[in-house]
Amino acid sequence: MLLIITIIIGALAGWFASMIMKTDNKQGLFLDIVVGIIGSSIGHWVFNKFSIHLFNNGGFIDNLIVATIGACILLGLIKLFQSLFSSKSR
């Protein structure tokens, strides 16, 4: 059951982050799930590092928000590295 919930949160978080970061037409469902799951790890690490706690203390909405923020961080880093490496190849 935990795996299914992780995939659902990952898919939603990856999709929300791709819409926020304007990469939604470049990736499909599989990449949304991967970005969301990796983003969830990044988000939880950042939130724990700075001792940030949300209103529901570990509920579905909290995990979705943290995963979305982490996925946005991940997509932002990917965009940054893409722009750095694409400008050097010219």
PDB file of N, CA and C in Angstrom:
ATOM      1  N   MET A   1       0.825  -1.200   0.000  1.00  0.00           N
ATOM      2  CA  MET A   1       0.000   0.000   0.000  1.00  0.00           C
ATOM      3  C   MET A   1       0.862   1.255   0.000  1.00  0.00           C
ATOM      4  N   LEU A   2       1.969   1.221   0.758  1.00  0.00           N
ATOM      5  CA  LEU A   2       2.862   2.373   0.828  1.00  0.00           C
ATOM      6  C   LEU A   2       3.467   2.684  -0.531  1.00  0.00           C
ATOM      7  N   LEU A   3       3.789   1.652  -1.310  1.00  0.00           N
ATOM      8  CA  LEU A   3       4.349   1.853  -2.646  1.00  0.00           C
ATOM      9  C   LEU A   3       3.344   2.562  -3.556  1.00  0.00           C
ATOM     10  N   ILE A   4       2.102   2.183  -3.476  1.00  0.00           N
ATOM     11  CA  ILE A   4       1.062   2.807  -4.304  1.00  0.00           C
ATOM     12  C   ILE A   4       0.887   4.271  -3.921  1.00  0.00           C
ATOM     13  N   ILE A   5       0.873   4.563  -2.629  1.00  0.00           N
ATOM     14  CA  ILE A   5       0.744   5.947  -2.174  1.00  0.00           C
ATOM     15  C   ILE A   5       1.943   6.769  -2.607  1.00  0.00           C
ATOM     16  N   THR A   6       3.148   6.173  -2.524  1.00  0.00           N
ATOM     17  CA  THR A   6       4.360   6.868  -2.964  1.00  0.00           C
ATOM     18  C   THR A   6       4.300   7.191  -4.446  1.00  0.00           C
ATOM     19  N   ILE A   7       3.826   6.266  -5.245  1.00  0.00           N
ATOM     20  CA  ILE A   7       3.718   6.501  -6.689  1.00  0.00           C
ATOM     21  C   ILE A   7       2.676   7.578  -6.978  1.00  0.00           C
ATOM     22  N   ILE A   8       1.555   7.549  -6.282  1.00  0.00           N
ATOM     23  CA  ILE A   8       0.516   8.559  -6.492  1.00  0.00           C
ATOM     24  C   ILE A   8       1.024   9.947  -6.104  1.00  0.00           C
ATOM     25  N   ILE A   9       1.652  10.059  -4.934  1.00  0.00           N
ATOM     26  CA  ILE A   9       2.200  11.355  -4.510  1.00  0.00           C
ATOM     27  C   ILE A   9       3.295  11.796  -5.466  1.00  0.00           C
ATOM     28  N   GLY A  10       4.151  10.872  -5.889  1.00  0.00           N
ATOM     29  CA  GLY A  10       5.209  11.203  -6.839  1.00  0.00           C
ATOM     30  C   GLY A  10       4.663  11.701  -8.156  1.00  0.00           C
ATOM     31  N   ALA A  11       3.635  11.037  -8.655  1.00  0.00           N
ATOM     32  CA  ALA A  11       3.040  11.452  -9.927  1.00  0.00           C
ATOM     33  C   ALA A  11       2.412  12.835  -9.818  1.00  0.00           C
ATOM     34  N   LEU A  12       1.654  13.055  -8.764  1.00  0.00           N
ATOM     35  CA  LEU A  12       1.017  14.363  -8.575  1.00  0.00           C
ATOM     36  C   LEU A  12       2.049  15.468  -8.354  1.00  0.00           C
ATOM     37  N   ALA A  13       3.036  15.198  -7.496  1.00  0.00           N
ATOM     38  CA  ALA A  13       4.061  16.206  -7.211  1.00  0.00           C
ATOM     39  C   ALA A  13       4.878  16.513  -8.461  1.00  0.00           C
ATOM     40  N   GLY A  14       5.254  15.493  -9.210  1.00  0.00           N
ATOM     41  CA  GLY A  14       6.007  15.707 -10.451  1.00  0.00           C
ATOM     42  C   GLY A  14       5.205  16.488 -11.467  1.00  0.00           C
ATOM     43  N   TRP A  15       3.917  16.191 -11.556  1.00  0.00           N
ATOM     44  CA  TRP A  15       3.054  16.908 -12.502  1.00  0.00           C
ATOM     45  C   TRP A  15       2.887  18.366 -12.083  1.00  0.00           C
ATOM     46  N   PHE A  16       2.614  18.600 -10.787  1.00  0.00           N
ATOM     47  CA  PHE A  16       2.483  19.979 -10.301  1.00  0.00           C
ATOM     48  C   PHE A  16       3.778  20.754 -10.522  1.00  0.00           C
ATOM     49  N   ALA A  17       4.902  20.129 -10.192  1.00  0.00           N
ATOM     50  CA  ALA A  17       6.191  20.806 -10.354  1.00  0.00           C
ATOM     51  C   ALA A  17       6.484  21.092 -11.816  1.00  0.00           C
ATOM     52  N   SER A  18       6.139  20.175 -12.712  1.00  0.00           N
ATOM     53  CA  SER A  18       6.392  20.415 -14.130  1.00  0.00           C
ATOM     54  C   SER A  18       5.522  21.545 -14.662  1.00  0.00           C
ATOM     55  N   MET A  19       4.337  21.702 -14.113  1.00  0.00           N
ATOM     56  CA  MET A  19       3.499  22.827 -14.519  1.00  0.00           C
ATOM     57  C   MET A  19       4.051  24.136 -13.951  1.00  0.00           C
ATOM     58  N   ILE A  20       4.513  24.120 -12.711  1.00  0.00           N
ATOM     59  CA  ILE A  20       5.069  25.314 -12.085  1.00  0.00           C
ATOM     60  C   ILE A  20       6.347  25.744 -12.795  1.00  0.00           C
ATOM     61  N   MET A  21       7.194  24.778 -13.135  1.00  0.00           N
ATOM     62  CA  MET A  21       8.499  25.077 -13.740  1.00  0.00           C
ATOM     63  C   MET A  21       8.441  25.122 -15.266  1.00  0.00           C
ATOM     64  N   LYS A  22       7.244  25.021 -15.837  1.00  0.00           N
ATOM     65  CA  LYS A  22       7.026  25.112 -17.282  1.00  0.00           C
ATOM     66  C   LYS A  22       7.767  24.037 -18.083  1.00  0.00           C
ATOM     67  N   THR A  23       7.788  22.817 -17.552  1.00  0.00           N
ATOM     68  CA  THR A  23       8.376  21.690 -18.280  1.00  0.00           C
ATOM     69  C   THR A  23       7.338  20.606 -18.552  1.00  0.00           C
ATOM     70  N   ASP A  24       6.058  20.941 -18.414  1.00  0.00           N
ATOM     71  CA  ASP A  24       5.004  19.927 -18.493  1.00  0.00           C
ATOM     72  C   ASP A  24       4.861  19.299 -19.869  1.00  0.00           C
ATOM     73  N   ASN A  25       5.238  19.979 -20.932  1.00  0.00           N
ATOM     74  CA  ASN A  25       5.092  19.379 -22.261  1.00  0.00           C
ATOM     75  C   ASN A  25       6.342  18.608 -22.671  1.00  0.00           C
ATOM     76  N   LYS A  26       7.367  18.553 -21.838  1.00  0.00           N
ATOM     77  CA  LYS A  26       8.601  17.855 -22.170  1.00  0.00           C
ATOM     78  C   LYS A  26       8.702  16.482 -21.529  1.00  0.00           C
ATOM     79  N   GLN A  27       7.850  16.184 -20.556  1.00  0.00           N
ATOM     80  CA  GLN A  27       7.964  14.914 -19.849  1.00  0.00           C
ATOM     81  C   GLN A  27       6.607  14.251 -19.733  1.00  0.00           C
ATOM     82  N   GLY A  28       6.635  12.942 -19.673  1.00  0.00           N
ATOM     83  CA  GLY A  28       5.399  12.178 -19.558  1.00  0.00           C
ATOM     84  C   GLY A  28       5.140  11.737 -18.143  1.00  0.00           C
ATOM     85  N   LEU A  29       4.213  10.818 -18.003  1.00  0.00           N
ATOM     86  CA  LEU A  29       3.801  10.331 -16.693  1.00  0.00           C
ATOM     87  C   LEU A  29       4.957   9.664 -15.949  1.00  0.00           C
ATOM     88  N   PHE A  30       5.740   8.849 -16.656  1.00  0.00           N
ATOM     89  CA  PHE A  30       6.842   8.154 -15.995  1.00  0.00           C
ATOM     90  C   PHE A  30       7.845   9.139 -15.412  1.00  0.00           C
ATOM     91  N   LEU A  31       8.229  10.155 -16.184  1.00  0.00           N
ATOM     92  CA  LEU A  31       9.168  11.151 -15.670  1.00  0.00           C
ATOM     93  C   LEU A  31       8.547  11.985 -14.562  1.00  0.00           C
ATOM     94  N   ASP A  32       7.254  12.237 -14.630  1.00  0.00           N
ATOM     95  CA  ASP A  32       6.580  12.934 -13.528  1.00  0.00           C
ATOM     96  C   ASP A  32       6.716  12.139 -12.231  1.00  0.00           C
ATOM     97  N   ILE A  33       6.518  10.832 -12.313  1.00  0.00           N
ATOM     98  CA  ILE A  33       6.626   9.982 -11.129  1.00  0.00           C
ATOM     99  C   ILE A  33       8.060   9.993 -10.605  1.00  0.00           C
ATOM    100  N   VAL A  34       9.035   9.842 -11.489  1.00  0.00           N
ATOM    101  CA  VAL A  34      10.440   9.820 -11.074  1.00  0.00           C
ATOM    102  C   VAL A  34      10.841  11.153 -10.451  1.00  0.00           C
ATOM    103  N   VAL A  35      10.486  12.251 -11.111  1.00  0.00           N
ATOM    104  CA  VAL A  35      10.807  13.576 -10.581  1.00  0.00           C
ATOM    105  C   VAL A  35      10.116  13.791  -9.243  1.00  0.00           C
ATOM    106  N   GLY A  36       8.879  13.348  -9.110  1.00  0.00           N
ATOM    107  CA  GLY A  36       8.142  13.504  -7.856  1.00  0.00           C
ATOM    108  C   GLY A  36       8.737  12.703  -6.710  1.00  0.00           C
ATOM    109  N   ILE A  37       9.162  11.477  -6.984  1.00  0.00           N
ATOM    110  CA  ILE A  37       9.747  10.640  -5.928  1.00  0.00           C
ATOM    111  C   ILE A  37      11.113  11.171  -5.515  1.00  0.00           C
ATOM    112  N   ILE A  38      11.951  11.531  -6.481  1.00  0.00           N
ATOM    113  CA  ILE A  38      13.255  12.114  -6.138  1.00  0.00           C
ATOM    114  C   ILE A  38      13.050  13.471  -5.462  1.00  0.00           C
ATOM    115  N   GLY A  39      12.109  14.246  -5.975  1.00  0.00           N
ATOM    116  CA  GLY A  39      11.800  15.535  -5.365  1.00  0.00           C
ATOM    117  C   GLY A  39      11.293  15.394  -3.946  1.00  0.00           C
ATOM    118  N   SER A  40      10.559  14.335  -3.672  1.00  0.00           N
ATOM    119  CA  SER A  40      10.086  14.083  -2.317  1.00  0.00           C
ATOM    120  C   SER A  40      11.262  13.885  -1.367  1.00  0.00           C
ATOM    121  N   SER A  41      12.254  13.148  -1.808  1.00  0.00           N
ATOM    122  CA  SER A  41      13.453  12.950  -0.985  1.00  0.00           C
ATOM    123  C   SER A  41      14.175  14.272  -0.754  1.00  0.00           C
ATOM    124  N   ILE A  42      14.318  15.064  -1.800  1.00  0.00           N
ATOM    125  CA  ILE A  42      14.971  16.366  -1.671  1.00  0.00           C
ATOM    126  C   ILE A  42      14.166  17.269  -0.749  1.00  0.00           C
ATOM    127  N   GLY A  43      12.867  17.323  -0.951  1.00  0.00           N
ATOM    128  CA  GLY A  43      12.008  18.173  -0.134  1.00  0.00           C
ATOM    129  C   GLY A  43      12.035  17.793   1.334  1.00  0.00           C
ATOM    130  N   HIS A  44      11.954  16.501   1.622  1.00  0.00           N
ATOM    131  CA  HIS A  44      11.999  16.066   3.014  1.00  0.00           C
ATOM    132  C   HIS A  44      13.355  16.368   3.643  1.00  0.00           C
ATOM    133  N   TRP A  45      14.430  16.224   2.882  1.00  0.00           N
ATOM    134  CA  TRP A  45      15.749  16.550   3.412  1.00  0.00           C
ATOM    135  C   TRP A  45      15.835  18.038   3.749  1.00  0.00           C
ATOM    136  N   VAL A  46      15.363  18.900   2.831  1.00  0.00           N
ATOM    137  CA  VAL A  46      15.412  20.354   3.059  1.00  0.00           C
ATOM    138  C   VAL A  46      14.542  20.732   4.256  1.00  0.00           C
ATOM    139  N   PHE A  47      13.336  20.205   4.308  1.00  0.00           N
ATOM    140  CA  PHE A  47      12.425  20.549   5.404  1.00  0.00           C
ATOM    141  C   PHE A  47      12.971  20.066   6.751  1.00  0.00           C
ATOM    142  N   ASN A  48      13.582  18.876   6.778  1.00  0.00           N
ATOM    143  CA  ASN A  48      14.172  18.386   8.026  1.00  0.00           C
ATOM    144  C   ASN A  48      15.413  19.173   8.402  1.00  0.00           C
ATOM    145  N   LYS A  49      16.211  19.561   7.414  1.00  0.00           N
ATOM    146  CA  LYS A  49      17.442  20.319   7.669  1.00  0.00           C
ATOM    147  C   LYS A  49      17.143  21.660   8.339  1.00  0.00           C
ATOM    148  N   PHE A  50      16.062  22.307   7.896  1.00  0.00           N
ATOM    149  CA  PHE A  50      15.702  23.611   8.436  1.00  0.00           C
ATOM    150  C   PHE A  50      14.573  23.531   9.472  1.00  0.00           C
ATOM    151  N   SER A  51      14.241  22.326   9.909  1.00  0.00           N
ATOM    152  CA  SER A  51      13.205  22.088  10.933  1.00  0.00           C
ATOM    153  C   SER A  51      11.879  22.772  10.598  1.00  0.00           C
ATOM    154  N   ILE A  52      11.449  22.606   9.355  1.00  0.00           N
ATOM    155  CA  ILE A  52      10.179  23.182   8.910  1.00  0.00           C
ATOM    156  C   ILE A  52       9.100  22.104   9.047  1.00  0.00           C
ATOM    157  N   HIS A  53       8.006  22.453   9.699  1.00  0.00           N
ATOM    158  CA  HIS A  53       6.883  21.527   9.863  1.00  0.00           C
ATOM    159  C   HIS A  53       5.624  22.187   9.315  1.00  0.00           C
ATOM    160  N   LEU A  54       4.864  21.428   8.574  1.00  0.00           N
ATOM    161  CA  LEU A  54       3.622  21.948   8.008  1.00  0.00           C
ATOM    162  C   LEU A  54       2.458  21.650   8.935  1.00  0.00           C
ATOM    163  N   PHE A  55       1.275  22.031   8.515  1.00  0.00           N
ATOM    164  CA  PHE A  55       0.090  22.005   9.368  1.00  0.00           C
ATOM    165  C   PHE A  55      -0.439  20.626   9.695  1.00  0.00           C
ATOM    166  N   ASN A  56      -0.263  19.628   8.866  1.00  0.00           N
ATOM    167  CA  ASN A  56      -0.913  18.337   9.064  1.00  0.00           C
ATOM    168  C   ASN A  56       0.011  17.287   9.672  1.00  0.00           C
ATOM    169  N   ASN A  57       1.280  17.620   9.833  1.00  0.00           N
ATOM    170  CA  ASN A  57       2.271  16.760  10.471  1.00  0.00           C
ATOM    171  C   ASN A  57       2.340  15.360   9.857  1.00  0.00           C
ATOM    172  N   GLY A  58       2.667  15.295   8.587  1.00  0.00           N
ATOM    173  CA  GLY A  58       2.912  14.018   7.946  1.00  0.00           C
ATOM    174  C   GLY A  58       1.754  13.437   7.174  1.00  0.00           C
ATOM    175  N   GLY A  59       0.706  14.185   6.938  1.00  0.00           N
ATOM    176  CA  GLY A  59      -0.428  13.677   6.184  1.00  0.00           C
ATOM    177  C   GLY A  59      -0.193  13.725   4.688  1.00  0.00           C
ATOM    178  N   PHE A  60      -1.193  13.324   3.944  1.00  0.00           N
ATOM    179  CA  PHE A  60      -1.112  13.273   2.487  1.00  0.00           C
ATOM    180  C   PHE A  60      -0.795  14.652   1.898  1.00  0.00           C
ATOM    181  N   ILE A  61      -1.497  15.675   2.354  1.00  0.00           N
ATOM    182  CA  ILE A  61      -1.302  17.029   1.828  1.00  0.00           C
ATOM    183  C   ILE A  61       0.104  17.538   2.147  1.00  0.00           C
ATOM    184  N   ASP A  62       0.569  17.300   3.371  1.00  0.00           N
ATOM    185  CA  ASP A  62       1.933  17.694   3.745  1.00  0.00           C
ATOM    186  C   ASP A  62       2.962  17.045   2.825  1.00  0.00           C
ATOM    187  N   ASN A  63       2.834  15.742   2.641  1.00  0.00           N
ATOM    188  CA  ASN A  63       3.777  15.029   1.783  1.00  0.00           C
ATOM    189  C   ASN A  63       3.705  15.514   0.342  1.00  0.00           C
ATOM    190  N   LEU A  64       2.518  15.830  -0.127  1.00  0.00           N
ATOM    191  CA  LEU A  64       2.367  16.331  -1.487  1.00  0.00           C
ATOM    192  C   LEU A  64       3.028  17.697  -1.644  1.00  0.00           C
ATOM    193  N   ILE A  65       2.853  18.577  -0.670  1.00  0.00           N
ATOM    194  CA  ILE A  65       3.464  19.908  -0.724  1.00  0.00           C
ATOM    195  C   ILE A  65       4.986  19.798  -0.676  1.00  0.00           C
ATOM    196  N   VAL A  66       5.491  19.005   0.252  1.00  0.00           N
ATOM    197  CA  VAL A  66       6.945  18.846   0.384  1.00  0.00           C
ATOM    198  C   VAL A  66       7.528  18.224  -0.880  1.00  0.00           C
ATOM    199  N   ALA A  67       6.872  17.210  -1.431  1.00  0.00           N
ATOM    200  CA  ALA A  67       7.355  16.561  -2.647  1.00  0.00           C
ATOM    201  C   ALA A  67       7.314  17.518  -3.830  1.00  0.00           C
ATOM    202  N   THR A  68       6.282  18.342  -3.914  1.00  0.00           N
ATOM    203  CA  THR A  68       6.183  19.309  -5.012  1.00  0.00           C
ATOM    204  C   THR A  68       7.295  20.345  -4.919  1.00  0.00           C
ATOM    205  N   ILE A  69       7.559  20.845  -3.725  1.00  0.00           N
ATOM    206  CA  ILE A  69       8.644  21.816  -3.542  1.00  0.00           C
ATOM    207  C   ILE A  69       9.983  21.174  -3.886  1.00  0.00           C
ATOM    208  N   GLY A  70      10.200  19.957  -3.431  1.00  0.00           N
ATOM    209  CA  GLY A  70      11.434  19.248  -3.766  1.00  0.00           C
ATOM    210  C   GLY A  70      11.566  18.983  -5.247  1.00  0.00           C
ATOM    211  N   ALA A  71      10.464  18.640  -5.907  1.00  0.00           N
ATOM    212  CA  ALA A  71      10.492  18.404  -7.351  1.00  0.00           C
ATOM    213  C   ALA A  71      10.777  19.701  -8.104  1.00  0.00           C
ATOM    214  N   CYS A  72      10.260  20.828  -7.605  1.00  0.00           N
ATOM    215  CA  CYS A  72      10.577  22.127  -8.221  1.00  0.00           C
ATOM    216  C   CYS A  72      12.062  22.437  -8.076  1.00  0.00           C
ATOM    217  N   ILE A  73      12.625  22.123  -6.915  1.00  0.00           N
ATOM    218  CA  ILE A  73      14.062  22.319  -6.717  1.00  0.00           C
ATOM    219  C   ILE A  73      14.842  21.455  -7.708  1.00  0.00           C
ATOM    220  N   LEU A  74      14.434  20.199  -7.847  1.00  0.00           N
ATOM    221  CA  LEU A  74      15.102  19.289  -8.775  1.00  0.00           C
ATOM    222  C   LEU A  74      15.013  19.791 -10.211  1.00  0.00           C
ATOM    223  N   LEU A  75      13.827  20.180 -10.650  1.00  0.00           N
ATOM    224  CA  LEU A  75      13.669  20.684 -12.020  1.00  0.00           C
ATOM    225  C   LEU A  75      14.436  21.983 -12.226  1.00  0.00           C
ATOM    226  N   GLY A  76      14.488  22.826 -11.201  1.00  0.00           N
ATOM    227  CA  GLY A  76      15.271  24.054 -11.297  1.00  0.00           C
ATOM    228  C   GLY A  76      16.754  23.763 -11.470  1.00  0.00           C
ATOM    229  N   LEU A  77      17.260  22.787 -10.723  1.00  0.00           N
ATOM    230  CA  LEU A  77      18.671  22.397 -10.869  1.00  0.00           C
ATOM    231  C   LEU A  77      18.939  21.799 -12.250  1.00  0.00           C
ATOM    232  N   ILE A  78      18.017  20.992 -12.737  1.00  0.00           N
ATOM    233  CA  ILE A  78      18.178  20.404 -14.071  1.00  0.00           C
ATOM    234  C   ILE A  78      18.207  21.503 -15.131  1.00  0.00           C
ATOM    235  N   LYS A  79      17.291  22.472 -15.028  1.00  0.00           N
ATOM    236  CA  LYS A  79      17.275  23.582 -15.986  1.00  0.00           C
ATOM    237  C   LYS A  79      18.567  24.391 -15.913  1.00  0.00           C
ATOM    238  N   LEU A  80      19.078  24.595 -14.694  1.00  0.00           N
ATOM    239  CA  LEU A  80      20.317  25.337 -14.514  1.00  0.00           C
ATOM    240  C   LEU A  80      21.482  24.626 -15.195  1.00  0.00           C
ATOM    241  N   PHE A  81      21.623  23.325 -14.948  1.00  0.00           N
ATOM    242  CA  PHE A  81      22.708  22.572 -15.560  1.00  0.00           C
ATOM    243  C   PHE A  81      22.557  22.492 -17.076  1.00  0.00           C
ATOM    244  N   GLN A  82      21.327  22.368 -17.569  1.00  0.00           N
ATOM    245  CA  GLN A  82      21.118  22.350 -19.013  1.00  0.00           C
ATOM    246  C   GLN A  82      21.536  23.665 -19.644  1.00  0.00           C
ATOM    247  N   SER A  83      21.216  24.767 -19.003  1.00  0.00           N
ATOM    248  CA  SER A  83      21.587  26.066 -19.568  1.00  0.00           C
ATOM    249  C   SER A  83      23.095  26.283 -19.484  1.00  0.00           C
ATOM    250  N   LEU A  84      23.732  25.800 -18.432  1.00  0.00           N
ATOM    251  CA  LEU A  84      25.187  25.937 -18.326  1.00  0.00           C
ATOM    252  C   LEU A  84      25.906  25.130 -19.392  1.00  0.00           C
ATOM    253  N   PHE A  85      25.472  23.886 -19.590  1.00  0.00           N
ATOM    254  CA  PHE A  85      26.152  23.033 -20.550  1.00  0.00           C
ATOM    255  C   PHE A  85      25.783  23.365 -21.987  1.00  0.00           C
ATOM    256  N   SER A  86      24.590  23.873 -22.225  1.00  0.00           N
ATOM    257  CA  SER A  86      24.223  24.220 -23.601  1.00  0.00           C
ATOM    258  C   SER A  86      24.926  25.508 -24.041  1.00  0.00           C
ATOM    259  N   SER A  87      25.236  26.418 -23.113  1.00  0.00           N
ATOM    260  CA  SER A  87      25.928  27.649 -23.488  1.00  0.00           C
ATOM    261  C   SER A  87      27.421  27.383 -23.718  1.00  0.00           C
ATOM    262  N   LYS A  88      27.995  26.350 -23.085  1.00  0.00           N
ATOM    263  CA  LYS A  88      29.396  26.037 -23.275  1.00  0.00           C
ATOM    264  C   LYS A  88      29.642  25.322 -24.598  1.00  0.00           C
ATOM    265  N   SER A  89      28.640  24.652 -25.126  1.00  0.00           N
ATOM    266  CA  SER A  89      28.820  23.894 -26.365  1.00  0.00           C
ATOM    267  C   SER A  89      28.752  24.802 -27.593  1.00  0.00           C
ATOM    268  N   ARG A  90      28.371  26.034 -27.423  1.00  0.00           N
ATOM    269  CA  ARG A  90      28.272  26.940 -28.571  1.00  0.00           C
ATOM    270  C   ARG A  90      29.573  27.584 -28.882  1.00  0.00           C
TER     271      ARG A  90
END
